[in-house]
Amino acid sequence: MTVLTLPAQPGQDAGHAVRPVPWRRMIWVTWAQHRAMLIGLTAVLGAVAIFLFAMGLYVHHNFSALMACRPQASPACQALNSSFNSTDWTIANTLDILMNLAPALIGAFTGAAVMARELETGTFRYAWTQGIGRVRWTIAKLVLLGVAIAILTWALSQVFTWFFAPFLQQQDTLTVLSATVFDTRGIAFAAWCLMSFTVGAFLGMLLRRVIAAMAATLGVYLGLAVVTWVCLRQDYPVALVTSNASLFNYAINRQSGAGGGSFPSTAPNNSPWVLSTWNVGRTVWWRYIPVSRFWPMQFIEGGWLLVLSVLLIAATVWLVRRRAA
């Protein structure tokens, strides 16, 4: 596609610059260009939320029946407990795995195509010369789409948090600080989805091929997620140090009775995340993160992921400015 430059018409001020499209109109422009992606994403996340709500009603009903069953040693109560620990937990564990993969998939299937598709098809030559400007076009698209994705995924995480609540009481090794749980709730899930989207957009602009950008987005996301859990999250400035062994008695007693036959507790698992232990003389010291530090950790993680997303948007804009129209 070739862009033509028309001469100024008689009576026109040739030196008068074309007024750029107002920022408020960029909302409509972004919607017009990406409505298929936004509608598709909303439909998929909405369908998942409806499924989680329906399954949540089923799971919460089973959990209430299990908690109300007496005596616990009776065959009927043991059958309820066995069903909850097998069938219900299998469903919940599968959905938890999918929720952990969701940010990577969202980034690959939405972010990777935002810039790369225009570069592959050559439509960027037309889009960047319509009185909008390549920088305004890029910023508007990435910010507006990123905000929409963050809001939609945050809403989904709230539904999943409600759905998964009984299993924090049933599974002895799970707390809200567990990696597979922490990443699916609060602001962390939305922040990871936003970051994955901006990674996809940046790689799409860098590689200029949709498929290549999708594959690279999956790899970068999974790598960063592993590094965060193994190296970064345990160093957030929220850890405590103690020699008071009584703080860990609850976890020890709870886990000593863990297993398929044990009944769930009436309260969520509040076992701390023990980072390290060491001896000083006869005294044992623990470095740990209590469950009460969940929200400070969420804000810390959400904060640096937001900063990283902004930097990725800035890097994408820099690449756009360097590319010849």
Protein backbone atom coordinates (compact mmCIF):
# COMPACT_ATOMS: atom_id res chain seq x y z
CA MET A 1 0.00 0.00 0.00
CA THR A 2 1.38 3.39 -1.04
CA VAL A 3 0.65 6.59 0.84
CA LEU A 4 0.11 9.58 -1.45
CA THR A 5 0.82 13.15 -0.51
CA LEU A 6 -1.71 15.56 -2.04
CA PRO A 7 -0.78 19.15 -2.81
CA ALA A 8 -2.47 21.91 -0.89
CA GLN A 9 -5.65 23.19 -2.45
CA PRO A 10 -6.04 26.85 -3.42
CA GLY A 11 -7.07 28.97 -0.50
CA GLN A 12 -5.61 26.59 2.04
CA ASP A 13 -2.80 27.60 4.31
CA ALA A 14 -0.01 25.28 3.23
CA GLY A 15 1.91 26.02 6.38
CA HIS A 16 -0.92 25.14 8.68
CA ALA A 17 -0.24 21.78 10.37
CA VAL A 18 -2.98 19.17 10.50
CA ARG A 19 -4.48 19.08 13.95
CA PRO A 20 -3.86 15.67 15.57
CA VAL A 21 -6.73 13.43 16.60
CA PRO A 22 -7.79 14.21 20.21
CA TRP A 23 -6.83 11.66 22.81
CA ARG A 24 -10.46 11.02 23.72
CA ARG A 25 -11.16 9.89 20.17
CA MET A 26 -8.35 7.37 20.44
CA ILE A 27 -10.67 5.26 22.62
CA TRP A 28 -13.00 4.84 19.67
CA VAL A 29 -10.11 4.27 17.26
CA THR A 30 -8.64 1.57 19.51
CA TRP A 31 -12.04 -0.06 19.92
CA ALA A 32 -12.66 0.00 16.16
CA GLN A 33 -9.34 -1.65 15.43
CA HIS A 34 -9.26 -4.20 18.25
CA ARG A 35 -12.93 -4.86 19.02
CA ALA A 36 -12.68 -8.46 17.83
CA MET A 37 -9.88 -9.17 20.29
CA LEU A 38 -11.60 -7.34 23.15
CA ILE A 39 -14.95 -9.02 22.53
CA GLY A 40 -13.29 -12.42 22.20
CA LEU A 41 -11.26 -11.97 25.38
CA THR A 42 -14.31 -10.74 27.31
CA ALA A 43 -16.36 -13.68 26.05
CA VAL A 44 -13.70 -16.22 27.02
CA LEU A 45 -13.09 -14.74 30.47
CA GLY A 46 -16.83 -14.35 31.01
CA ALA A 47 -17.44 -17.99 30.12
CA VAL A 48 -14.67 -19.06 32.50
CA ALA A 49 -16.16 -16.89 35.27
CA ILE A 50 -19.62 -18.42 34.75
CA PHE A 51 -18.12 -21.92 34.87
CA LEU A 52 -16.19 -21.05 38.05
CA PHE A 53 -19.34 -19.68 39.64
CA ALA A 54 -21.34 -22.80 38.80
CA MET A 55 -18.56 -25.11 40.00
CA GLY A 56 -18.09 -22.91 43.07
CA LEU A 57 -21.70 -23.42 44.10
CA TYR A 58 -21.21 -27.17 43.74
CA VAL A 59 -17.91 -27.20 45.66
CA HIS A 60 -19.15 -24.93 48.46
CA HIS A 61 -22.27 -27.11 48.85
CA ASN A 62 -20.13 -30.24 49.15
CA PHE A 63 -17.80 -28.55 51.60
CA SER A 64 -20.68 -27.35 53.80
CA ALA A 65 -22.15 -30.85 53.83
CA LEU A 66 -18.75 -32.28 54.76
CA MET A 67 -18.23 -29.82 57.61
CA ALA A 68 -21.71 -30.48 58.98
CA CYS A 69 -21.41 -34.27 58.82
CA ARG A 70 -21.34 -36.03 62.22
CA PRO A 71 -19.81 -38.21 63.47
CA GLN A 72 -16.72 -37.73 61.37
CA ALA A 73 -15.68 -41.38 61.68
CA SER A 74 -18.97 -42.64 60.22
CA PRO A 75 -18.91 -44.32 56.79
CA ALA A 76 -21.13 -41.58 55.34
CA CYS A 77 -18.80 -38.80 56.50
CA GLN A 78 -15.73 -40.67 55.31
CA ALA A 79 -17.35 -41.11 51.89
CA LEU A 80 -18.02 -37.36 51.68
CA ASN A 81 -14.46 -36.63 52.72
CA SER A 82 -13.04 -39.07 50.18
CA SER A 83 -15.13 -37.56 47.38
CA PHE A 84 -14.11 -34.03 48.31
CA ASN A 85 -10.42 -34.97 48.48
CA SER A 86 -10.51 -36.74 45.13
CA THR A 87 -13.18 -35.52 42.72
CA ASP A 88 -13.57 -31.93 43.93
CA TRP A 89 -9.86 -31.41 44.48
CA THR A 90 -9.00 -32.82 41.04
CA ILE A 91 -11.30 -30.24 39.44
CA ALA A 92 -9.92 -27.41 41.59
CA ASN A 93 -6.30 -28.37 40.98
CA THR A 94 -6.84 -28.47 37.22
CA LEU A 95 -8.49 -25.04 37.25
CA ASP A 96 -5.68 -23.69 39.43
CA ILE A 97 -3.08 -24.87 36.89
CA LEU A 98 -5.03 -23.21 34.07
CA MET A 99 -5.28 -19.97 36.05
CA ASN A 100 -1.51 -19.96 36.50
CA LEU A 101 -1.06 -20.38 32.75
CA ALA A 102 -3.70 -17.78 31.85
CA PRO A 103 -1.41 -14.69 31.97
CA ALA A 104 1.07 -16.32 29.57
CA LEU A 105 -1.73 -17.27 27.17
CA ILE A 106 -3.31 -13.80 27.36
CA GLY A 107 0.01 -12.17 26.58
CA ALA A 108 0.71 -14.52 23.68
CA PHE A 109 -2.71 -14.33 22.05
CA THR A 110 -3.43 -10.62 22.63
CA GLY A 111 -0.20 -8.69 23.13
CA ALA A 112 1.90 -10.40 20.48
CA ALA A 113 -0.43 -9.42 17.64
CA VAL A 114 -1.04 -5.79 18.64
CA MET A 115 2.04 -4.46 16.84
CA ALA A 116 3.34 -7.46 14.89
CA ARG A 117 0.20 -7.94 12.77
CA GLU A 118 0.39 -4.40 11.34
CA LEU A 119 4.08 -4.85 10.61
CA GLU A 120 3.49 -8.23 8.92
CA THR A 121 0.65 -6.99 6.73
CA GLY A 122 2.15 -3.58 6.03
CA THR A 123 -0.91 -1.67 7.25
CA PHE A 124 1.30 0.35 9.59
CA ARG A 125 2.20 2.54 6.57
CA TYR A 126 -1.42 3.66 6.42
CA ALA A 127 -2.22 3.69 10.14
CA TRP A 128 0.73 5.90 11.05
CA THR A 129 -0.18 8.63 8.54
CA GLN A 130 -3.79 9.33 9.50
CA GLY A 131 -3.27 12.41 11.66
CA ILE A 132 -2.72 10.30 14.77
CA GLY A 133 1.01 9.80 14.71
CA ARG A 134 2.86 6.60 15.37
CA VAL A 135 3.73 7.48 18.98
CA ARG A 136 0.18 8.52 19.92
CA TRP A 137 -1.19 5.48 18.11
CA THR A 138 1.10 3.11 20.01
CA ILE A 139 0.63 4.68 23.44
CA ALA A 140 -3.15 4.82 23.09
CA LYS A 141 -3.44 1.21 22.00
CA LEU A 142 -1.13 -0.25 24.62
CA VAL A 143 -2.50 1.79 27.53
CA LEU A 144 -6.19 1.38 26.70
CA LEU A 145 -5.91 -2.33 25.91
CA GLY A 146 -3.70 -2.89 28.94
CA VAL A 147 -6.20 -1.22 31.27
CA ALA A 148 -9.05 -3.28 29.80
CA ILE A 149 -7.10 -6.52 30.25
CA ALA A 150 -6.13 -5.63 33.83
CA ILE A 151 -9.77 -4.92 34.80
CA LEU A 152 -11.13 -8.07 33.16
CA THR A 153 -8.51 -10.35 34.67
CA TRP A 154 -8.85 -8.78 38.12
CA ALA A 155 -12.58 -9.54 38.03
CA LEU A 156 -11.86 -13.13 37.03
CA SER A 157 -9.40 -13.53 39.90
CA GLN A 158 -12.08 -12.50 42.39
CA VAL A 159 -14.38 -15.26 41.19
CA PHE A 160 -11.57 -17.81 41.33
CA THR A 161 -10.60 -16.69 44.85
CA TRP A 162 -14.14 -17.41 46.05
CA PHE A 163 -14.24 -20.74 44.20
CA PHE A 164 -10.91 -21.94 45.66
CA ALA A 165 -11.52 -20.87 49.29
CA PRO A 166 -12.62 -24.32 50.63
CA PHE A 167 -9.43 -25.96 49.41
CA LEU A 168 -7.24 -23.70 51.53
CA GLN A 169 -8.91 -25.42 54.47
CA GLN A 170 -8.80 -28.88 52.95
CA GLN A 171 -5.23 -29.00 51.62
CA ASP A 172 -2.65 -28.96 54.40
CA THR A 173 0.23 -27.75 52.23
CA LEU A 174 -1.57 -24.80 50.63
CA THR A 175 -1.76 -21.23 51.92
CA VAL A 176 -2.37 -17.91 50.22
CA LEU A 177 1.43 -17.58 50.02
CA SER A 178 1.85 -20.79 48.01
CA ALA A 179 3.11 -20.00 44.51
CA THR A 180 0.16 -21.60 42.73
CA VAL A 181 -2.30 -19.72 44.94
CA PHE A 182 -0.59 -16.34 45.33
CA ASP A 183 -0.38 -15.79 41.58
CA THR A 184 -4.11 -16.33 41.02
CA ARG A 185 -5.57 -13.76 43.41
CA GLY A 186 -5.41 -10.19 44.59
CA ILE A 187 -3.74 -7.68 42.31
CA ALA A 188 -0.93 -10.06 41.39
CA PHE A 189 -2.98 -11.95 38.80
CA ALA A 190 -4.05 -8.77 37.00
CA ALA A 191 -0.50 -7.38 37.21
CA TRP A 192 0.97 -10.54 35.69
CA CYS A 193 -1.61 -10.45 32.88
CA LEU A 194 -0.80 -6.79 32.17
CA MET A 195 2.93 -7.47 32.18
CA SER A 196 2.50 -10.46 29.87
CA PHE A 197 0.46 -8.32 27.46
CA THR A 198 3.16 -5.62 27.33
CA VAL A 199 5.86 -8.28 26.87
CA GLY A 200 3.90 -9.62 23.90
CA ALA A 201 3.49 -6.15 22.40
CA PHE A 202 7.19 -5.34 22.82
CA LEU A 203 8.32 -8.65 21.31
CA GLY A 204 5.83 -8.23 18.48
CA MET A 205 7.38 -4.86 17.62
CA LEU A 206 10.90 -6.25 18.03
CA LEU A 207 10.43 -9.48 16.03
CA ARG A 208 7.75 -8.17 13.63
CA ARG A 209 6.21 -11.64 13.32
CA VAL A 210 3.13 -12.76 15.20
CA ILE A 211 3.99 -16.45 15.65
CA ALA A 212 7.56 -15.73 16.69
CA ALA A 213 6.35 -13.10 19.17
CA MET A 214 3.79 -15.51 20.63
CA ALA A 215 6.41 -18.20 21.23
CA ALA A 216 8.87 -15.70 22.71
CA THR A 217 6.17 -14.27 25.00
CA LEU A 218 5.42 -17.69 26.45
CA GLY A 219 9.09 -18.31 27.10
CA VAL A 220 9.77 -14.91 28.67
CA TYR A 221 6.71 -15.12 30.91
CA LEU A 222 7.45 -18.62 32.19
CA GLY A 223 11.09 -17.71 32.79
CA LEU A 224 10.22 -14.57 34.73
CA ALA A 225 7.56 -16.41 36.77
CA VAL A 226 10.08 -19.06 37.84
CA VAL A 227 12.73 -16.47 38.71
CA THR A 228 10.19 -14.51 40.74
CA TRP A 229 9.22 -17.51 42.86
CA VAL A 230 12.73 -18.94 43.28
CA CYS A 231 14.74 -15.73 43.71
CA LEU A 232 12.69 -12.55 44.08
CA ARG A 233 9.56 -13.15 46.16
CA GLN A 234 11.35 -14.55 49.18
CA ASP A 235 13.45 -11.37 49.37
CA TYR A 236 10.53 -8.97 49.61
CA PRO A 237 11.06 -6.82 52.73
CA VAL A 238 8.28 -8.53 54.70
CA ALA A 239 10.11 -11.52 56.24
CA LEU A 240 10.43 -11.94 60.00
CA VAL A 241 12.99 -13.73 62.15
CA THR A 242 12.10 -15.56 65.36
CA SER A 243 13.28 -18.26 67.73
CA ASN A 244 9.79 -18.82 69.10
CA ALA A 245 8.98 -22.40 68.09
CA SER A 246 5.38 -22.07 69.29
CA LEU A 247 4.61 -20.03 66.16
CA PHE A 248 5.17 -23.15 64.10
CA ASN A 249 3.30 -25.63 66.29
CA TYR A 250 0.09 -25.10 64.33
CA ALA A 251 1.79 -25.98 61.06
CA ILE A 252 3.54 -29.00 62.55
CA ASN A 253 0.37 -30.35 64.17
CA ARG A 254 -1.70 -29.74 61.06
CA GLN A 255 0.73 -31.38 58.69
CA SER A 256 1.24 -34.34 60.97
CA GLY A 257 -2.39 -35.29 60.32
CA ALA A 258 -2.34 -34.42 56.62
CA GLY A 259 -3.46 -36.93 54.09
CA GLY A 260 -6.38 -38.12 52.11
CA GLY A 261 -8.37 -39.38 55.11
CA SER A 262 -8.14 -36.31 57.32
CA PHE A 263 -11.05 -33.90 57.60
CA PRO A 264 -10.51 -30.27 56.57
CA SER A 265 -10.07 -27.65 59.24
CA THR A 266 -12.73 -25.08 60.04
CA ALA A 267 -10.22 -22.29 59.25
CA PRO A 268 -7.86 -21.60 56.34
CA ASN A 269 -4.32 -22.87 56.59
CA ASN A 270 -2.28 -20.11 58.26
CA SER A 271 1.05 -21.92 58.20
CA PRO A 272 3.88 -19.43 57.59
CA TRP A 273 6.22 -19.69 54.63
CA VAL A 274 9.51 -20.78 56.21
CA LEU A 275 12.41 -19.39 54.16
CA SER A 276 15.36 -20.70 56.16
CA THR A 277 16.40 -22.08 59.53
CA TRP A 278 19.70 -22.03 61.39
CA ASN A 279 21.11 -22.82 64.83
CA VAL A 280 22.83 -20.42 67.20
CA GLY A 281 24.08 -22.56 69.99
CA ARG A 282 21.07 -24.58 71.14
CA THR A 283 18.56 -22.09 69.77
CA VAL A 284 16.85 -22.67 66.45
CA TRP A 285 16.03 -19.54 64.43
CA TRP A 286 13.51 -19.23 61.63
CA ARG A 287 13.26 -16.69 58.85
CA TYR A 288 9.68 -16.76 57.62
CA ILE A 289 6.82 -14.83 56.04
CA PRO A 290 3.52 -15.01 57.92
CA VAL A 291 0.24 -15.28 56.03
CA SER A 292 -0.67 -11.84 57.42
CA ARG A 293 1.92 -10.34 55.03
CA PHE A 294 -0.09 -11.48 52.00
CA TRP A 295 -1.33 -8.00 51.01
CA PRO A 296 2.02 -6.22 51.45
CA MET A 297 3.52 -8.87 49.17
CA GLN A 298 0.70 -8.38 46.69
CA PHE A 299 1.32 -4.64 46.53
CA ILE A 300 5.07 -5.11 46.20
CA GLU A 301 4.69 -7.59 43.37
CA GLY A 302 1.95 -5.60 41.68
CA GLY A 303 4.11 -2.48 41.96
CA TRP A 304 7.23 -3.81 40.27
CA LEU A 305 5.18 -5.58 37.62
CA LEU A 306 3.43 -2.28 36.85
CA VAL A 307 6.79 -0.50 36.59
CA LEU A 308 8.05 -3.25 34.29
CA SER A 309 4.91 -2.91 32.14
CA VAL A 310 5.43 0.86 31.82
CA LEU A 311 9.06 0.30 30.84
CA LEU A 312 8.01 -2.24 28.22
CA ILE A 313 5.47 0.22 26.79
CA ALA A 314 8.18 2.89 26.67
CA ALA A 315 10.55 0.45 24.94
CA THR A 316 7.85 -0.41 22.40
CA VAL A 317 7.27 3.28 21.68
CA TRP A 318 11.02 3.76 21.24
CA LEU A 319 11.11 0.95 18.68
CA VAL A 320 8.14 2.48 16.85
CA ARG A 321 9.85 5.86 16.66
CA ARG A 322 12.97 4.28 15.20
CA ARG A 323 11.12 2.45 12.46
CA ALA A 324 10.70 4.34 9.20
CA ALA A 325 7.09 4.90 8.22
